N, C-alpha and C. Protein backbone atom coordinates (compact mmCIF):
# COMPACT_ATOMS: atom_id res chain seq x y z
N MET A 1 -4.37 -1.82 11.22
CA MET A 1 -3.16 -0.47 11.70
C MET A 1 -2.41 -0.96 12.74
N VAL A 2 -1.25 -1.50 12.96
CA VAL A 2 -0.30 -1.28 13.87
C VAL A 2 0.62 -0.12 14.59
N PHE A 3 -0.13 0.06 15.69
CA PHE A 3 0.84 1.19 16.42
C PHE A 3 2.22 0.49 17.25
N TYR A 4 3.22 1.23 17.22
CA TYR A 4 4.65 1.16 18.10
C TYR A 4 5.03 2.62 18.83
N GLY A 5 4.27 2.39 20.23
CA GLY A 5 4.42 3.58 21.02
C GLY A 5 3.34 4.87 20.18
N ASN A 6 3.89 5.84 20.27
CA ASN A 6 3.37 6.97 19.38
C ASN A 6 3.16 6.62 18.01
N LYS A 7 3.79 5.83 17.04
CA LYS A 7 4.72 6.09 15.86
C LYS A 7 3.56 4.86 14.92
N GLU A 8 2.91 4.80 13.87
CA GLU A 8 2.55 3.94 12.95
C GLU A 8 3.36 2.83 12.47
N SER A 9 3.08 1.88 11.79
CA SER A 9 4.04 1.23 11.40
C SER A 9 4.38 1.71 10.12
N LEU A 10 5.59 1.32 9.73
CA LEU A 10 6.04 1.55 8.72
C LEU A 10 5.34 1.40 7.33
N VAL A 11 4.84 0.02 7.64
CA VAL A 11 4.29 -0.86 6.68
C VAL A 11 3.03 -1.33 7.15
N LEU A 12 1.78 -1.84 6.14
CA LEU A 12 0.64 -2.04 5.97
C LEU A 12 0.14 -3.45 5.25
N ASP A 13 -0.32 -4.31 5.79
CA ASP A 13 -0.32 -5.98 5.24
C ASP A 13 -1.20 -5.57 4.34
N VAL A 14 -1.79 -6.11 3.11
CA VAL A 14 -2.20 -6.06 1.66
C VAL A 14 -4.02 -5.25 2.14
N PRO A 15 -4.62 -6.06 3.00
CA PRO A 15 -5.72 -5.93 3.66
C PRO A 15 -6.29 -4.54 4.48
N GLU A 16 -5.11 -4.10 5.10
CA GLU A 16 -5.21 -3.25 5.69
C GLU A 16 -4.83 -1.63 4.94
N ALA A 17 -4.47 -1.91 3.75
CA ALA A 17 -3.88 -0.72 2.63
C ALA A 17 -5.40 -0.36 1.58
N GLY A 18 -5.80 -2.05 1.61
CA GLY A 18 -7.02 -2.16 1.00
C GLY A 18 -8.39 -1.44 1.68
N LYS A 19 -8.21 -1.16 2.93
CA LYS A 19 -9.18 -0.59 4.11
C LYS A 19 -9.42 0.55 3.79
N LEU A 20 -7.99 1.01 3.80
CA LEU A 20 -7.52 2.69 3.53
C LEU A 20 -7.79 3.14 2.28
N LEU A 21 -7.97 2.36 1.10
CA LEU A 21 -8.16 2.97 -0.15
C LEU A 21 -9.74 2.26 -0.59
N ASN A 22 -10.73 1.62 0.42
CA ASN A 22 -12.09 1.56 0.08
C ASN A 22 -11.77 0.38 -1.05
N LEU A 23 -10.99 -0.66 -0.92
CA LEU A 23 -11.48 -1.14 -2.05
C LEU A 23 -11.35 -2.85 -1.29
N SER A 24 -11.73 -3.51 -1.98
CA SER A 24 -11.97 -5.40 -1.37
C SER A 24 -10.67 -5.87 -1.36
N ARG A 25 -10.56 -6.99 -0.72
CA ARG A 25 -9.28 -7.77 -0.01
C ARG A 25 -8.92 -8.28 -1.78
N ALA A 26 -9.61 -8.57 -2.51
CA ALA A 26 -9.36 -9.49 -3.97
C ALA A 26 -9.16 -8.24 -4.75
N THR A 27 -9.57 -7.07 -4.91
CA THR A 27 -9.20 -6.58 -5.24
C THR A 27 -7.82 -5.63 -5.38
N THR A 28 -7.64 -5.41 -3.85
CA THR A 28 -6.36 -4.78 -3.61
C THR A 28 -5.17 -6.04 -3.74
N TYR A 29 -5.36 -7.04 -3.69
CA TYR A 29 -4.24 -8.56 -4.00
C TYR A 29 -3.85 -8.32 -5.52
N ALA A 30 -4.86 -7.70 -6.79
CA ALA A 30 -4.80 -7.64 -7.59
C ALA A 30 -3.61 -6.45 -8.28
N LEU A 31 -4.13 -5.36 -7.31
CA LEU A 31 -3.39 -4.50 -7.76
C LEU A 31 -2.19 -4.09 -7.46
N VAL A 32 -1.80 -5.19 -6.69
CA VAL A 32 -0.52 -5.37 -5.48
C VAL A 32 0.22 -6.21 -6.70
N ASN A 33 -0.23 -7.03 -7.40
CA ASN A 33 0.28 -8.44 -8.23
C ASN A 33 0.31 -7.49 -9.49
N GLN A 34 -0.31 -6.44 -9.71
CA GLN A 34 -0.35 -5.84 -11.00
C GLN A 34 1.08 -4.62 -11.26
N GLY A 35 1.40 -4.51 -9.79
CA GLY A 35 2.27 -3.64 -9.91
C GLY A 35 1.84 -1.78 -9.22
N VAL A 36 0.22 -2.16 -9.56
CA VAL A 36 -0.29 -0.87 -9.24
C VAL A 36 0.09 -0.04 -7.79
N ILE A 37 0.01 -1.19 -6.95
CA ILE A 37 0.05 -0.47 -5.73
C ILE A 37 1.47 -1.27 -5.30
N PRO A 38 2.22 -0.60 -4.71
CA PRO A 38 4.06 -0.50 -4.54
C PRO A 38 4.09 -1.83 -3.29
N SER A 39 4.76 -2.95 -3.16
CA SER A 39 4.78 -3.72 -2.25
C SER A 39 6.05 -4.31 -2.09
N ILE A 40 6.35 -5.01 -1.21
CA ILE A 40 7.53 -5.78 -0.78
C ILE A 40 7.16 -7.25 -0.19
N ARG A 41 7.97 -8.26 -0.43
CA ARG A 41 7.26 -9.67 -0.51
C ARG A 41 8.63 -9.79 0.65
N PHE A 42 8.37 -10.53 1.65
CA PHE A 42 9.25 -10.85 3.21
C PHE A 42 9.22 -12.56 3.22
N GLY A 43 9.38 -13.54 2.19
CA GLY A 43 9.15 -14.60 2.32
C GLY A 43 7.39 -14.89 1.90
N LYS A 44 6.33 -15.38 2.51
CA LYS A 44 5.11 -15.38 2.33
C LYS A 44 4.26 -13.83 2.54
N ARG A 45 4.97 -13.23 3.07
CA ARG A 45 4.45 -11.83 3.26
C ARG A 45 4.26 -10.84 2.39
N ILE A 46 3.54 -10.50 2.30
CA ILE A 46 2.99 -8.94 1.28
C ILE A 46 3.01 -8.01 1.93
N VAL A 47 3.91 -6.92 2.40
CA VAL A 47 3.41 -5.56 2.56
C VAL A 47 3.54 -4.32 1.92
N VAL A 48 2.55 -3.34 2.13
CA VAL A 48 2.91 -1.99 1.47
C VAL A 48 3.94 -1.06 2.24
N PRO A 49 4.27 -0.53 1.63
CA PRO A 49 5.34 0.76 2.56
C PRO A 49 3.97 1.92 2.58
N ARG A 50 3.76 2.06 3.78
CA ARG A 50 2.84 3.47 4.31
C ARG A 50 3.40 4.59 3.09
N LYS A 51 4.45 5.18 3.02
CA LYS A 51 5.29 6.19 2.19
C LYS A 51 4.82 6.15 1.14
N ALA A 52 4.82 4.79 0.26
CA ALA A 52 5.17 4.89 -1.14
C ALA A 52 3.64 4.86 -1.23
N LEU A 53 2.63 4.18 -0.56
CA LEU A 53 1.55 4.69 -0.97
C LEU A 53 1.12 5.81 -0.68
N GLU A 54 1.33 6.67 0.17
CA GLU A 54 1.02 7.75 0.66
C GLU A 54 1.77 8.48 -0.96
N GLU A 55 2.51 8.24 -1.30
CA GLU A 55 3.45 9.01 -2.54
C GLU A 55 2.34 8.76 -3.71
N LEU A 56 2.38 7.43 -3.97
CA LEU A 56 0.95 7.25 -5.08
C LEU A 56 -0.05 7.89 -4.61
N LEU A 57 -0.74 8.24 -3.73
CA LEU A 57 -2.07 8.82 -3.42
C LEU A 57 -2.02 10.52 -3.69
N ALA A 58 -0.44 10.71 -3.74
CA ALA A 58 -0.45 12.16 -3.73
C ALA A 58 0.07 12.72 -4.98
N SER A 59 0.39 11.35 -6.15
CA SER A 59 0.69 11.59 -7.50
C SER A 59 -0.38 11.47 -8.28
N ALA A 60 -1.41 11.11 -7.90
CA ALA A 60 -2.64 10.67 -8.62
C ALA A 60 -3.51 11.81 -9.14
N GLY A 61 -3.47 11.44 -10.33
CA GLY A 61 -4.08 12.96 -11.23
C GLY A 61 -3.01 14.19 -11.97
N ARG A 62 -1.40 13.79 -11.70
CA ARG A 62 -0.63 14.75 -12.11
C ARG A 62 -0.16 13.81 -13.17
N PRO A 63 0.20 14.54 -13.98
CA PRO A 63 0.94 13.90 -15.39
C PRO A 63 2.08 13.26 -14.98
N LYS A 64 2.33 12.03 -15.50
CA LYS A 64 3.46 11.58 -15.21
C LYS A 64 4.49 12.17 -16.25
N GLU A 65 5.83 12.31 -15.49
CA GLU A 65 7.15 13.07 -16.02
C GLU A 65 7.80 12.28 -17.13
N SER A 66 8.37 12.77 -17.98
CA SER A 66 8.93 12.18 -19.44
C SER A 66 10.41 11.85 -19.05
């Protein structure tokens, strides 16, 4: 995890996101490729927005809105 001053980075790389979720690197990349874990690609670099990951986890188990 990258810190800037007293603030955490706004994005995580895929292995960092996997560590936070207790997932293997391969599983995390697979879920990113499937669109299950939200991500942004900057050239060759793939990052997971911290806020989107938190929202994904907060909505887990809730019924989807129609």
